[in-house]
Amino acid sequence: MPNSLKARLKKLVYQGILSQEDLDRIIVVSKDATNGDAIKALFPDVKCKNEEEGYDVETSLCFKKTFSGYWWNQNYSGEAWKR
């Protein structure tokens, strides 16, 4: 996809508007991502175990949390993160 967000960001680096260092810090989440996809994008090393009660998530930053399956599979909007 030549017009993808990643491609447009790379073009800004080529034009000198954005540094490669800044580009490396940007996390792109697709439009149809779920909350679980967003967690996985933020924490690439996440260990996720699907349990009947929810998703047990643990990262190398000692972040441990259980998310309900309902929340984990909802479409990501960013709204839940503002609380």
N, C-alpha and C. Protein backbone atom coordinates (compact mmCIF):
# COMPACT_ATOMS: atom_id res chain seq x y z
N MET A 1 0.83 -1.19 0.00
CA MET A 1 0.00 0.00 0.00
C MET A 1 0.87 1.25 0.00
N PRO A 2 1.01 1.90 -1.12
CA PRO A 2 1.88 3.08 -1.18
C PRO A 2 1.38 4.26 -0.36
N ASN A 3 0.09 4.35 -0.09
CA ASN A 3 -0.43 5.47 0.69
C ASN A 3 -0.67 5.12 2.15
N SER A 4 -0.09 4.01 2.60
CA SER A 4 -0.28 3.63 3.99
C SER A 4 0.37 4.67 4.90
N LEU A 5 -0.06 4.69 6.13
CA LEU A 5 0.48 5.64 7.10
C LEU A 5 1.98 5.45 7.26
N LYS A 6 2.43 4.23 7.32
CA LYS A 6 3.87 3.97 7.45
C LYS A 6 4.63 4.54 6.27
N ALA A 7 4.10 4.35 5.07
CA ALA A 7 4.77 4.87 3.87
C ALA A 7 4.81 6.40 3.89
N ARG A 8 3.72 7.03 4.32
CA ARG A 8 3.70 8.50 4.39
C ARG A 8 4.66 9.01 5.43
N LEU A 9 4.79 8.31 6.56
CA LEU A 9 5.75 8.72 7.58
C LEU A 9 7.18 8.58 7.09
N LYS A 10 7.45 7.50 6.36
CA LYS A 10 8.80 7.31 5.78
C LYS A 10 9.12 8.42 4.79
N LYS A 11 8.11 8.87 4.06
CA LYS A 11 8.31 9.96 3.12
C LYS A 11 8.70 11.24 3.87
N LEU A 12 8.10 11.48 5.04
CA LEU A 12 8.45 12.64 5.85
C LEU A 12 9.89 12.57 6.33
N VAL A 13 10.37 11.37 6.62
CA VAL A 13 11.78 11.19 7.00
C VAL A 13 12.65 11.53 5.80
N TYR A 14 12.30 11.02 4.64
CA TYR A 14 13.06 11.29 3.40
C TYR A 14 13.12 12.79 3.12
N GLN A 15 12.02 13.50 3.39
CA GLN A 15 11.96 14.94 3.14
C GLN A 15 12.66 15.75 4.25
N GLY A 16 13.07 15.10 5.31
CA GLY A 16 13.75 15.79 6.40
C GLY A 16 12.82 16.46 7.39
N ILE A 17 11.53 16.21 7.27
CA ILE A 17 10.54 16.80 8.17
C ILE A 17 10.49 16.03 9.49
N LEU A 18 10.73 14.74 9.42
CA LEU A 18 10.68 13.85 10.57
C LEU A 18 12.00 13.09 10.64
N SER A 19 12.55 12.94 11.81
CA SER A 19 13.81 12.20 11.92
C SER A 19 13.53 10.70 12.01
N GLN A 20 14.49 9.91 11.63
CA GLN A 20 14.35 8.45 11.73
C GLN A 20 14.17 8.04 13.19
N GLU A 21 14.84 8.77 14.09
CA GLU A 21 14.70 8.49 15.52
C GLU A 21 13.24 8.68 15.97
N ASP A 22 12.61 9.75 15.50
CA ASP A 22 11.20 9.98 15.82
C ASP A 22 10.31 8.90 15.21
N LEU A 23 10.60 8.53 13.98
CA LEU A 23 9.81 7.50 13.31
C LEU A 23 9.89 6.18 14.07
N ASP A 24 11.06 5.87 14.61
CA ASP A 24 11.23 4.62 15.35
C ASP A 24 10.41 4.60 16.64
N ARG A 25 10.01 5.78 17.13
CA ARG A 25 9.24 5.88 18.36
C ARG A 25 7.73 5.85 18.12
N ILE A 26 7.30 5.91 16.87
CA ILE A 26 5.88 5.96 16.54
C ILE A 26 5.31 4.54 16.44
N ILE A 27 4.21 4.32 17.14
CA ILE A 27 3.51 3.04 17.08
C ILE A 27 2.26 3.22 16.24
N VAL A 28 2.16 2.48 15.17
CA VAL A 28 1.00 2.58 14.27
C VAL A 28 0.04 1.44 14.60
N VAL A 29 -1.19 1.80 14.89
CA VAL A 29 -2.24 0.82 15.18
C VAL A 29 -3.26 0.91 14.05
N SER A 30 -3.59 -0.22 13.45
CA SER A 30 -4.51 -0.21 12.31
C SER A 30 -5.90 0.26 12.72
N LYS A 31 -6.67 0.72 11.74
CA LYS A 31 -8.02 1.23 11.99
C LYS A 31 -8.94 0.17 12.58
N ASP A 32 -8.75 -1.08 12.20
CA ASP A 32 -9.64 -2.14 12.66
C ASP A 32 -9.05 -2.93 13.82
N ALA A 33 -8.09 -2.34 14.54
CA ALA A 33 -7.44 -3.01 15.66
C ALA A 33 -8.39 -3.14 16.85
N THR A 34 -8.15 -4.17 17.63
CA THR A 34 -8.88 -4.36 18.88
C THR A 34 -8.03 -3.80 20.02
N ASN A 35 -8.62 -3.70 21.21
CA ASN A 35 -7.84 -3.27 22.38
C ASN A 35 -6.66 -4.21 22.60
N GLY A 36 -6.86 -5.50 22.38
CA GLY A 36 -5.77 -6.47 22.52
C GLY A 36 -4.65 -6.19 21.53
N ASP A 37 -5.01 -5.84 20.29
CA ASP A 37 -3.99 -5.50 19.28
C ASP A 37 -3.19 -4.28 19.72
N ALA A 38 -3.87 -3.30 20.33
CA ALA A 38 -3.18 -2.09 20.79
C ALA A 38 -2.20 -2.43 21.91
N ILE A 39 -2.60 -3.29 22.83
CA ILE A 39 -1.70 -3.71 23.91
C ILE A 39 -0.48 -4.40 23.32
N LYS A 40 -0.71 -5.28 22.35
CA LYS A 40 0.41 -5.99 21.73
C LYS A 40 1.33 -5.05 20.96
N ALA A 41 0.79 -3.98 20.38
CA ALA A 41 1.61 -3.00 19.68
C ALA A 41 2.46 -2.19 20.66
N LEU A 42 1.87 -1.84 21.80
CA LEU A 42 2.60 -1.06 22.81
C LEU A 42 3.66 -1.89 23.52
N PHE A 43 3.39 -3.16 23.70
CA PHE A 43 4.30 -4.06 24.41
C PHE A 43 4.60 -5.27 23.52
N PRO A 44 5.57 -5.14 22.60
CA PRO A 44 5.86 -6.23 21.66
C PRO A 44 6.28 -7.54 22.34
N ASP A 45 6.79 -7.44 23.57
CA ASP A 45 7.25 -8.63 24.28
C ASP A 45 6.17 -9.24 25.18
N VAL A 46 4.93 -8.79 25.00
CA VAL A 46 3.84 -9.22 25.88
C VAL A 46 3.64 -10.73 25.83
N LYS A 47 3.38 -11.28 27.01
CA LYS A 47 2.99 -12.69 27.10
C LYS A 47 1.52 -12.68 27.47
N CYS A 48 0.73 -13.27 26.62
CA CYS A 48 -0.72 -13.22 26.80
C CYS A 48 -1.27 -14.64 26.85
N LYS A 49 -2.03 -14.89 27.91
CA LYS A 49 -2.62 -16.21 28.08
C LYS A 49 -4.13 -16.05 28.11
N ASN A 50 -4.80 -16.73 27.23
CA ASN A 50 -6.26 -16.66 27.14
C ASN A 50 -6.86 -17.62 28.15
N GLU A 51 -7.56 -17.07 29.11
CA GLU A 51 -8.24 -17.86 30.12
C GLU A 51 -9.74 -17.69 29.94
N GLU A 52 -10.50 -18.51 30.58
CA GLU A 52 -11.96 -18.39 30.50
C GLU A 52 -12.44 -17.08 31.09
N GLU A 53 -11.78 -16.60 32.14
CA GLU A 53 -12.19 -15.36 32.80
C GLU A 53 -11.71 -14.11 32.06
N GLY A 54 -10.69 -14.25 31.23
CA GLY A 54 -10.14 -13.11 30.51
C GLY A 54 -8.75 -13.40 30.00
N TYR A 55 -8.04 -12.35 29.64
CA TYR A 55 -6.70 -12.47 29.11
C TYR A 55 -5.70 -12.03 30.16
N ASP A 56 -4.82 -12.94 30.60
CA ASP A 56 -3.75 -12.60 31.53
C ASP A 56 -2.58 -12.08 30.72
N VAL A 57 -2.18 -10.85 31.01
CA VAL A 57 -1.14 -10.18 30.24
C VAL A 57 0.03 -9.86 31.16
N GLU A 58 1.24 -10.14 30.68
CA GLU A 58 2.45 -9.81 31.44
C GLU A 58 3.51 -9.31 30.47
N THR A 59 4.22 -8.25 30.86
CA THR A 59 5.30 -7.71 30.04
C THR A 59 6.61 -7.74 30.81
N SER A 60 7.70 -7.46 30.11
CA SER A 60 9.01 -7.43 30.75
C SER A 60 9.13 -6.25 31.71
N LEU A 61 8.20 -5.30 31.65
CA LEU A 61 8.22 -4.14 32.55
C LEU A 61 7.47 -4.45 33.85
N CYS A 62 7.22 -5.72 34.10
CA CYS A 62 6.51 -6.17 35.30
C CYS A 62 5.07 -5.67 35.34
N PHE A 63 4.50 -5.41 34.20
CA PHE A 63 3.09 -5.03 34.08
C PHE A 63 2.29 -6.31 34.00
N LYS A 64 1.40 -6.51 34.96
CA LYS A 64 0.54 -7.70 34.95
C LYS A 64 -0.90 -7.25 35.12
N LYS A 65 -1.76 -7.76 34.28
CA LYS A 65 -3.16 -7.37 34.34
C LYS A 65 -4.00 -8.45 33.66
N THR A 66 -5.22 -8.62 34.14
CA THR A 66 -6.17 -9.50 33.47
C THR A 66 -7.25 -8.63 32.85
N PHE A 67 -7.48 -8.80 31.57
CA PHE A 67 -8.51 -8.06 30.84
C PHE A 67 -9.64 -9.02 30.49
N SER A 68 -10.86 -8.53 30.55
CA SER A 68 -11.99 -9.37 30.16
C SER A 68 -11.91 -9.64 28.66
N GLY A 69 -12.42 -10.78 28.25
CA GLY A 69 -12.44 -11.10 26.82
C GLY A 69 -13.25 -10.08 26.04
N TYR A 70 -14.31 -9.57 26.66
CA TYR A 70 -15.14 -8.56 26.00
C TYR A 70 -14.32 -7.31 25.69
N TRP A 71 -13.60 -6.78 26.69
CA TRP A 71 -12.80 -5.57 26.48
C TRP A 71 -11.66 -5.83 25.50
N TRP A 72 -10.97 -6.96 25.66
CA TRP A 72 -9.82 -7.30 24.83
C TRP A 72 -10.18 -7.34 23.35
N ASN A 73 -11.37 -7.83 23.03
CA ASN A 73 -11.77 -8.00 21.64
C ASN A 73 -12.59 -6.84 21.08
N GLN A 74 -12.85 -5.80 21.88
CA GLN A 74 -13.56 -4.62 21.38
C GLN A 74 -12.65 -3.84 20.44
N ASN A 75 -13.27 -3.12 19.51
CA ASN A 75 -12.49 -2.26 18.62
C ASN A 75 -11.78 -1.18 19.42
N TYR A 76 -10.51 -0.98 19.11
CA TYR A 76 -9.71 0.04 19.80
C TYR A 76 -10.14 1.43 19.34
N SER A 77 -10.41 2.30 20.31
CA SER A 77 -10.78 3.68 19.96
C SER A 77 -9.88 4.68 20.68
N GLY A 78 -9.15 4.24 21.68
CA GLY A 78 -8.33 5.13 22.47
C GLY A 78 -9.09 5.75 23.63
N GLU A 79 -10.41 5.66 23.62
CA GLU A 79 -11.22 6.27 24.66
C GLU A 79 -10.99 5.62 26.03
N ALA A 80 -10.86 4.32 26.07
CA ALA A 80 -10.70 3.63 27.35
C ALA A 80 -9.38 4.00 28.02
N TRP A 81 -8.44 4.49 27.26
CA TRP A 81 -7.10 4.81 27.78
C TRP A 81 -7.08 6.20 28.42
N LYS A 82 -8.12 6.99 28.24
CA LYS A 82 -8.13 8.36 28.74
C LYS A 82 -8.60 8.46 30.18
N ARG A 83 -9.06 7.37 30.74
CA ARG A 83 -9.58 7.40 32.12
C ARG A 83 -8.50 7.42 33.13
